[in-house]
Amino acid sequence: MKLEEEIKQKKFNSEYQKLAVNIIFTHGWLMSTQKKFFDNYEITGTQYNILRILRGQHPHPVSINILKERMLDKMSDASRLVERLRIKGLVDRNICKGDRRKSEVNITEKGLKILKELDKTEAELEKCFKSLSL
């Protein structure tokens, strides 16, 4: 389906405006699709991003600042997200021995297990892209 049909708008002021609207529309569609997928695991897409960063560093701890630097959504509150993941038992958060102002975060075995399950179903999530056209 075309953008014009999806949003019920026949004309755009320019191709740039159409591009901007298309990017915003596609972002919303992708977030909605991912939400349905991640809801099965009781995590958000942003929490998934943090878990993947931590898995990449495992078994070494990662500071909140490193998570902020590497996150895809730079507007997210990494501290709050880590705390929610800690409550779910997916990460551990400890005070850094060298600098008590800093927290170190590690993924737990439970967090690694969820990522392993998600890895197996990644092809299912990718199916949503097969309906896209240029």
N, C-alpha and C. Protein backbone atom coordinates (compact mmCIF):
# COMPACT_ATOMS: atom_id res chain seq x y z
N MET A 1 0.84 -1.18 0.00
CA MET A 1 0.00 0.00 0.00
C MET A 1 0.89 1.25 0.00
N LYS A 2 0.44 2.26 -0.66
CA LYS A 2 1.19 3.51 -0.75
C LYS A 2 0.96 4.39 0.47
N LEU A 3 1.93 5.24 0.74
CA LEU A 3 1.84 6.16 1.87
C LEU A 3 0.58 7.01 1.78
N GLU A 4 0.31 7.52 0.58
CA GLU A 4 -0.86 8.38 0.40
C GLU A 4 -2.15 7.67 0.82
N GLU A 5 -2.25 6.39 0.52
CA GLU A 5 -3.44 5.61 0.89
C GLU A 5 -3.47 5.35 2.40
N GLU A 6 -2.32 5.06 2.97
CA GLU A 6 -2.25 4.76 4.40
C GLU A 6 -2.66 5.95 5.25
N ILE A 7 -2.20 7.15 4.90
CA ILE A 7 -2.49 8.32 5.73
C ILE A 7 -3.61 9.19 5.15
N LYS A 8 -4.19 8.74 4.06
CA LYS A 8 -5.31 9.45 3.42
C LYS A 8 -4.96 10.89 3.07
N GLN A 9 -3.80 11.06 2.43
CA GLN A 9 -3.36 12.37 1.98
C GLN A 9 -2.91 12.24 0.53
N LYS A 10 -3.50 13.04 -0.34
CA LYS A 10 -3.22 12.90 -1.76
C LYS A 10 -2.01 13.70 -2.22
N LYS A 11 -1.78 14.87 -1.59
CA LYS A 11 -0.69 15.74 -2.05
C LYS A 11 0.25 16.08 -0.91
N PHE A 12 1.50 16.31 -1.28
CA PHE A 12 2.52 16.80 -0.35
C PHE A 12 3.10 18.07 -0.95
N ASN A 13 3.60 18.94 -0.10
CA ASN A 13 4.17 20.19 -0.58
C ASN A 13 5.43 19.96 -1.40
N SER A 14 6.16 18.90 -1.10
CA SER A 14 7.38 18.59 -1.83
C SER A 14 7.73 17.12 -1.60
N GLU A 15 8.69 16.65 -2.36
CA GLU A 15 9.17 15.28 -2.17
C GLU A 15 9.87 15.13 -0.82
N TYR A 16 10.48 16.21 -0.33
CA TYR A 16 11.13 16.18 0.98
C TYR A 16 10.10 16.02 2.09
N GLN A 17 8.97 16.73 1.97
CA GLN A 17 7.91 16.60 2.96
C GLN A 17 7.37 15.16 2.94
N LYS A 18 7.19 14.63 1.75
CA LYS A 18 6.71 13.25 1.62
C LYS A 18 7.70 12.28 2.25
N LEU A 19 8.99 12.50 2.03
CA LEU A 19 10.02 11.66 2.62
C LEU A 19 9.96 11.72 4.15
N ALA A 20 9.86 12.93 4.70
CA ALA A 20 9.81 13.09 6.15
C ALA A 20 8.59 12.39 6.74
N VAL A 21 7.44 12.56 6.12
CA VAL A 21 6.22 11.91 6.60
C VAL A 21 6.37 10.39 6.50
N ASN A 22 6.97 9.93 5.42
CA ASN A 22 7.16 8.49 5.23
C ASN A 22 8.07 7.92 6.31
N ILE A 23 9.14 8.63 6.65
CA ILE A 23 10.05 8.17 7.70
C ILE A 23 9.32 8.10 9.04
N ILE A 24 8.55 9.12 9.36
CA ILE A 24 7.79 9.14 10.62
C ILE A 24 6.77 8.00 10.64
N PHE A 25 6.05 7.82 9.54
CA PHE A 25 5.06 6.75 9.45
C PHE A 25 5.71 5.38 9.59
N THR A 26 6.83 5.18 8.90
CA THR A 26 7.52 3.89 8.94
C THR A 26 8.07 3.62 10.33
N HIS A 27 8.59 4.64 10.99
CA HIS A 27 9.08 4.48 12.37
C HIS A 27 7.94 4.00 13.28
N GLY A 28 6.79 4.63 13.17
CA GLY A 28 5.64 4.23 13.98
C GLY A 28 5.22 2.80 13.71
N TRP A 29 5.19 2.44 12.43
CA TRP A 29 4.82 1.08 12.04
C TRP A 29 5.81 0.06 12.60
N LEU A 30 7.10 0.37 12.49
CA LEU A 30 8.13 -0.55 12.99
C LEU A 30 8.05 -0.69 14.51
N MET A 31 7.88 0.42 15.22
CA MET A 31 7.78 0.37 16.68
C MET A 31 6.57 -0.45 17.12
N SER A 32 5.46 -0.29 16.43
CA SER A 32 4.25 -1.04 16.74
C SER A 32 4.46 -2.54 16.50
N THR A 33 5.10 -2.88 15.39
CA THR A 33 5.37 -4.27 15.06
C THR A 33 6.32 -4.89 16.08
N GLN A 34 7.37 -4.17 16.43
CA GLN A 34 8.32 -4.68 17.42
C GLN A 34 7.67 -4.82 18.79
N LYS A 35 6.82 -3.88 19.15
CA LYS A 35 6.16 -3.94 20.46
C LYS A 35 5.38 -5.24 20.60
N LYS A 36 4.64 -5.61 19.58
CA LYS A 36 3.86 -6.86 19.63
C LYS A 36 4.80 -8.06 19.83
N PHE A 37 5.93 -8.02 19.18
CA PHE A 37 6.90 -9.11 19.26
C PHE A 37 7.54 -9.17 20.66
N PHE A 38 8.01 -8.03 21.16
CA PHE A 38 8.70 -8.00 22.45
C PHE A 38 7.75 -8.17 23.63
N ASP A 39 6.48 -7.84 23.46
CA ASP A 39 5.51 -8.04 24.53
C ASP A 39 5.46 -9.49 24.98
N ASN A 40 5.72 -10.41 24.06
CA ASN A 40 5.74 -11.84 24.40
C ASN A 40 6.82 -12.16 25.44
N TYR A 41 7.84 -11.33 25.51
CA TYR A 41 8.95 -11.56 26.43
C TYR A 41 8.96 -10.53 27.58
N GLU A 42 7.92 -9.72 27.64
CA GLU A 42 7.75 -8.70 28.67
C GLU A 42 8.92 -7.72 28.75
N ILE A 43 9.44 -7.36 27.57
CA ILE A 43 10.48 -6.33 27.48
C ILE A 43 10.09 -5.36 26.36
N THR A 44 10.78 -4.24 26.34
CA THR A 44 10.57 -3.25 25.28
C THR A 44 11.71 -3.36 24.27
N GLY A 45 11.56 -2.72 23.15
CA GLY A 45 12.64 -2.69 22.16
C GLY A 45 13.90 -2.04 22.70
N THR A 46 13.74 -1.01 23.52
CA THR A 46 14.89 -0.33 24.10
C THR A 46 15.59 -1.22 25.13
N GLN A 47 14.81 -1.97 25.90
CA GLN A 47 15.39 -2.91 26.85
C GLN A 47 16.13 -4.03 26.10
N TYR A 48 15.57 -4.45 24.99
CA TYR A 48 16.23 -5.44 24.14
C TYR A 48 17.58 -4.91 23.66
N ASN A 49 17.62 -3.66 23.28
CA ASN A 49 18.86 -3.03 22.84
C ASN A 49 19.91 -3.07 23.95
N ILE A 50 19.50 -2.75 25.17
CA ILE A 50 20.43 -2.79 26.30
C ILE A 50 20.93 -4.21 26.54
N LEU A 51 20.03 -5.18 26.50
CA LEU A 51 20.44 -6.58 26.71
C LEU A 51 21.45 -7.02 25.66
N ARG A 52 21.25 -6.61 24.42
CA ARG A 52 22.20 -6.98 23.36
C ARG A 52 23.56 -6.33 23.57
N ILE A 53 23.58 -5.10 24.02
CA ILE A 53 24.85 -4.42 24.31
C ILE A 53 25.58 -5.18 25.42
N LEU A 54 24.83 -5.53 26.46
CA LEU A 54 25.43 -6.24 27.59
C LEU A 54 25.93 -7.63 27.19
N ARG A 55 25.18 -8.30 26.34
CA ARG A 55 25.63 -9.62 25.87
C ARG A 55 26.92 -9.49 25.08
N GLY A 56 27.05 -8.43 24.30
CA GLY A 56 28.26 -8.21 23.53
C GLY A 56 29.48 -7.97 24.40
N GLN A 57 29.28 -7.46 25.59
CA GLN A 57 30.39 -7.19 26.51
C GLN A 57 30.61 -8.31 27.52
N HIS A 58 29.65 -9.22 27.61
CA HIS A 58 29.67 -10.29 28.61
C HIS A 58 30.96 -11.10 28.51
N PRO A 59 31.65 -11.39 29.57
CA PRO A 59 31.27 -11.28 30.98
C PRO A 59 31.72 -9.98 31.65
N HIS A 60 32.19 -9.02 30.89
CA HIS A 60 32.68 -7.77 31.46
C HIS A 60 31.52 -6.82 31.75
N PRO A 61 31.58 -6.11 32.87
CA PRO A 61 30.51 -5.14 33.19
C PRO A 61 30.59 -3.91 32.30
N VAL A 62 29.48 -3.22 32.21
CA VAL A 62 29.37 -2.02 31.39
C VAL A 62 28.80 -0.90 32.26
N SER A 63 29.33 0.28 32.12
CA SER A 63 28.80 1.42 32.88
C SER A 63 27.55 1.96 32.18
N ILE A 64 26.77 2.71 32.92
CA ILE A 64 25.57 3.34 32.37
C ILE A 64 25.96 4.28 31.24
N ASN A 65 27.07 5.00 31.38
CA ASN A 65 27.50 5.92 30.33
C ASN A 65 27.82 5.19 29.04
N ILE A 66 28.44 4.03 29.11
CA ILE A 66 28.73 3.25 27.90
C ILE A 66 27.41 2.80 27.27
N LEU A 67 26.46 2.38 28.09
CA LEU A 67 25.15 1.99 27.55
C LEU A 67 24.51 3.17 26.81
N LYS A 68 24.55 4.36 27.42
CA LYS A 68 23.98 5.55 26.78
C LYS A 68 24.63 5.82 25.42
N GLU A 69 25.96 5.67 25.37
CA GLU A 69 26.69 5.92 24.11
C GLU A 69 26.29 4.94 23.02
N ARG A 70 26.04 3.71 23.39
CA ARG A 70 25.81 2.66 22.40
C ARG A 70 24.34 2.42 22.06
N MET A 71 23.43 2.99 22.86
CA MET A 71 22.01 2.76 22.62
C MET A 71 21.58 3.40 21.31
N LEU A 72 20.63 2.76 20.65
CA LEU A 72 20.09 3.29 19.41
C LEU A 72 19.22 4.51 19.67
N ASP A 73 18.43 4.49 20.74
CA ASP A 73 17.57 5.61 21.10
C ASP A 73 18.29 6.45 22.14
N LYS A 74 18.92 7.52 21.70
CA LYS A 74 19.73 8.37 22.57
C LYS A 74 18.89 9.16 23.57
N MET A 75 17.58 9.21 23.37
CA MET A 75 16.71 9.96 24.26
C MET A 75 16.24 9.13 25.45
N SER A 76 16.55 7.86 25.48
CA SER A 76 16.09 6.99 26.56
C SER A 76 16.89 7.22 27.83
N ASP A 77 16.24 6.96 28.96
CA ASP A 77 16.88 7.06 30.27
C ASP A 77 17.47 5.70 30.61
N ALA A 78 18.75 5.52 30.36
CA ALA A 78 19.41 4.23 30.54
C ALA A 78 19.33 3.75 31.98
N SER A 79 19.48 4.64 32.93
CA SER A 79 19.42 4.24 34.35
C SER A 79 18.07 3.63 34.70
N ARG A 80 17.02 4.28 34.25
CA ARG A 80 15.67 3.78 34.53
C ARG A 80 15.44 2.43 33.84
N LEU A 81 15.90 2.30 32.61
CA LEU A 81 15.74 1.04 31.87
C LEU A 81 16.51 -0.10 32.54
N VAL A 82 17.73 0.19 32.97
CA VAL A 82 18.54 -0.82 33.66
C VAL A 82 17.84 -1.25 34.94
N GLU A 83 17.27 -0.31 35.66
CA GLU A 83 16.57 -0.65 36.90
C GLU A 83 15.39 -1.58 36.63
N ARG A 84 14.65 -1.31 35.58
CA ARG A 84 13.52 -2.19 35.22
C ARG A 84 14.01 -3.59 34.84
N LEU A 85 15.12 -3.65 34.12
CA LEU A 85 15.69 -4.95 33.76
C LEU A 85 16.22 -5.67 35.01
N ARG A 86 16.75 -4.91 35.97
CA ARG A 86 17.24 -5.51 37.22
C ARG A 86 16.09 -6.12 38.01
N ILE A 87 14.98 -5.41 38.08
CA ILE A 87 13.79 -5.91 38.80
C ILE A 87 13.30 -7.21 38.16
N LYS A 88 13.41 -7.32 36.85
CA LYS A 88 12.99 -8.54 36.14
C LYS A 88 14.01 -9.66 36.25
N GLY A 89 15.17 -9.35 36.82
CA GLY A 89 16.21 -10.36 36.98
C GLY A 89 17.05 -10.59 35.74
N LEU A 90 17.00 -9.65 34.80
CA LEU A 90 17.72 -9.81 33.53
C LEU A 90 19.12 -9.20 33.56
N VAL A 91 19.36 -8.30 34.51
CA VAL A 91 20.69 -7.70 34.68
C VAL A 91 21.00 -7.57 36.16
N ASP A 92 22.27 -7.45 36.45
CA ASP A 92 22.75 -7.11 37.79
C ASP A 92 23.37 -5.73 37.70
N ARG A 93 23.17 -4.95 38.76
CA ARG A 93 23.74 -3.60 38.80
C ARG A 93 24.51 -3.47 40.12
N ASN A 94 25.78 -3.17 40.02
CA ASN A 94 26.63 -3.07 41.20
C ASN A 94 27.38 -1.75 41.20
N ILE A 95 27.70 -1.27 42.39
CA ILE A 95 28.51 -0.07 42.53
C ILE A 95 29.94 -0.42 42.15
N CYS A 96 30.54 0.41 41.32
CA CYS A 96 31.92 0.22 40.88
C CYS A 96 32.86 0.36 42.08
N LYS A 97 33.77 -0.60 42.23
CA LYS A 97 34.71 -0.57 43.36
C LYS A 97 35.68 0.60 43.24
N GLY A 98 36.07 0.95 42.04
CA GLY A 98 37.03 2.04 41.83
C GLY A 98 36.42 3.43 41.91
N ASP A 99 35.12 3.56 41.64
CA ASP A 99 34.45 4.86 41.64
C ASP A 99 33.02 4.65 42.12
N ARG A 100 32.75 4.95 43.36
CA ARG A 100 31.44 4.67 43.97
C ARG A 100 30.29 5.45 43.34
N ARG A 101 30.60 6.45 42.52
CA ARG A 101 29.56 7.21 41.83
C ARG A 101 29.07 6.48 40.59
N LYS A 102 29.80 5.45 40.19
CA LYS A 102 29.53 4.75 38.93
C LYS A 102 28.91 3.37 39.21
N SER A 103 27.97 2.97 38.37
CA SER A 103 27.38 1.63 38.44
C SER A 103 27.94 0.77 37.32
N GLU A 104 28.10 -0.50 37.61
CA GLU A 104 28.51 -1.47 36.60
C GLU A 104 27.35 -2.43 36.39
N VAL A 105 27.04 -2.71 35.13
CA VAL A 105 25.89 -3.53 34.79
C VAL A 105 26.37 -4.78 34.04
N ASN A 106 25.82 -5.92 34.44
CA ASN A 106 26.09 -7.20 33.78
C ASN A 106 24.78 -7.86 33.43
N ILE A 107 24.75 -8.58 32.34
CA ILE A 107 23.59 -9.37 31.98
C ILE A 107 23.61 -10.66 32.82
N THR A 108 22.45 -11.11 33.26
CA THR A 108 22.35 -12.34 34.04
C THR A 108 22.13 -13.53 33.12
N GLU A 109 22.17 -14.71 33.70
CA GLU A 109 21.88 -15.93 32.93
C GLU A 109 20.46 -15.88 32.38
N LYS A 110 19.53 -15.36 33.17
CA LYS A 110 18.15 -15.21 32.71
C LYS A 110 18.08 -14.28 31.51
N GLY A 111 18.84 -13.18 31.55
CA GLY A 111 18.89 -12.25 30.41
C GLY A 111 19.46 -12.91 29.18
N LEU A 112 20.53 -13.68 29.36
CA LEU A 112 21.14 -14.40 28.23
C LEU A 112 20.16 -15.43 27.65
N LYS A 113 19.40 -16.06 28.51
CA LYS A 113 18.42 -17.06 28.06
C LYS A 113 17.34 -16.42 27.20
N ILE A 114 16.84 -15.27 27.64
CA ILE A 114 15.81 -14.57 26.85
C ILE A 114 16.36 -14.17 25.49
N LEU A 115 17.60 -13.66 25.46
CA LEU A 115 18.19 -13.29 24.17
C LEU A 115 18.36 -14.50 23.27
N LYS A 116 18.71 -15.63 23.85
CA LYS A 116 18.86 -16.85 23.05
C LYS A 116 17.51 -17.24 22.43
N GLU A 117 16.44 -17.12 23.21
CA GLU A 117 15.10 -17.40 22.68
C GLU A 117 14.74 -16.41 21.57
N LEU A 118 15.06 -15.13 21.80
CA LEU A 118 14.77 -14.11 20.80
C LEU A 118 15.58 -14.34 19.53
N ASP A 119 16.82 -14.80 19.66
CA ASP A 119 17.64 -15.10 18.48
C ASP A 119 16.97 -16.15 17.61
N LYS A 120 16.34 -17.12 18.23
CA LYS A 120 15.68 -18.20 17.48
C LYS A 120 14.46 -17.70 16.72
N THR A 121 13.84 -16.64 17.22
CA THR A 121 12.61 -16.14 16.60
C THR A 121 12.85 -14.87 15.78
N GLU A 122 14.11 -14.49 15.61
CA GLU A 122 14.43 -13.27 14.88
C GLU A 122 13.90 -13.30 13.44
N ALA A 123 13.91 -14.46 12.82
CA ALA A 123 13.41 -14.58 11.45
C ALA A 123 11.92 -14.22 11.39
N GLU A 124 11.19 -14.53 12.47
CA GLU A 124 9.77 -14.20 12.53
C GLU A 124 9.58 -12.68 12.52
N LEU A 125 10.41 -11.97 13.26
CA LEU A 125 10.33 -10.52 13.29
C LEU A 125 10.71 -9.93 11.93
N GLU A 126 11.68 -10.53 11.27
CA GLU A 126 12.13 -10.03 9.97
C GLU A 126 11.10 -10.22 8.88
N LYS A 127 10.13 -11.09 9.07
CA LYS A 127 9.08 -11.31 8.07
C LYS A 127 8.31 -10.03 7.78
N CYS A 128 8.21 -9.15 8.77
CA CYS A 128 7.46 -7.91 8.57
C CYS A 128 8.07 -7.06 7.47
N PHE A 129 9.37 -7.21 7.20
CA PHE A 129 10.03 -6.41 6.18
C PHE A 129 9.77 -6.93 4.77
N LYS A 130 9.33 -8.17 4.65
CA LYS A 130 9.10 -8.75 3.33
C LYS A 130 7.93 -8.11 2.61
N SER A 131 7.06 -7.47 3.37
CA SER A 131 5.90 -6.82 2.73
C SER A 131 6.22 -5.41 2.26
N LEU A 132 7.42 -4.93 2.56
CA LEU A 132 7.81 -3.58 2.14
C LEU A 132 8.24 -3.55 0.69
N SER A 133 7.95 -2.44 0.05
CA SER A 133 8.42 -2.24 -1.32
C SER A 133 9.20 -0.95 -1.37
N LEU A 134 9.93 -0.75 -2.44
CA LEU A 134 10.72 0.47 -2.59
C LEU A 134 9.88 1.64 -3.06
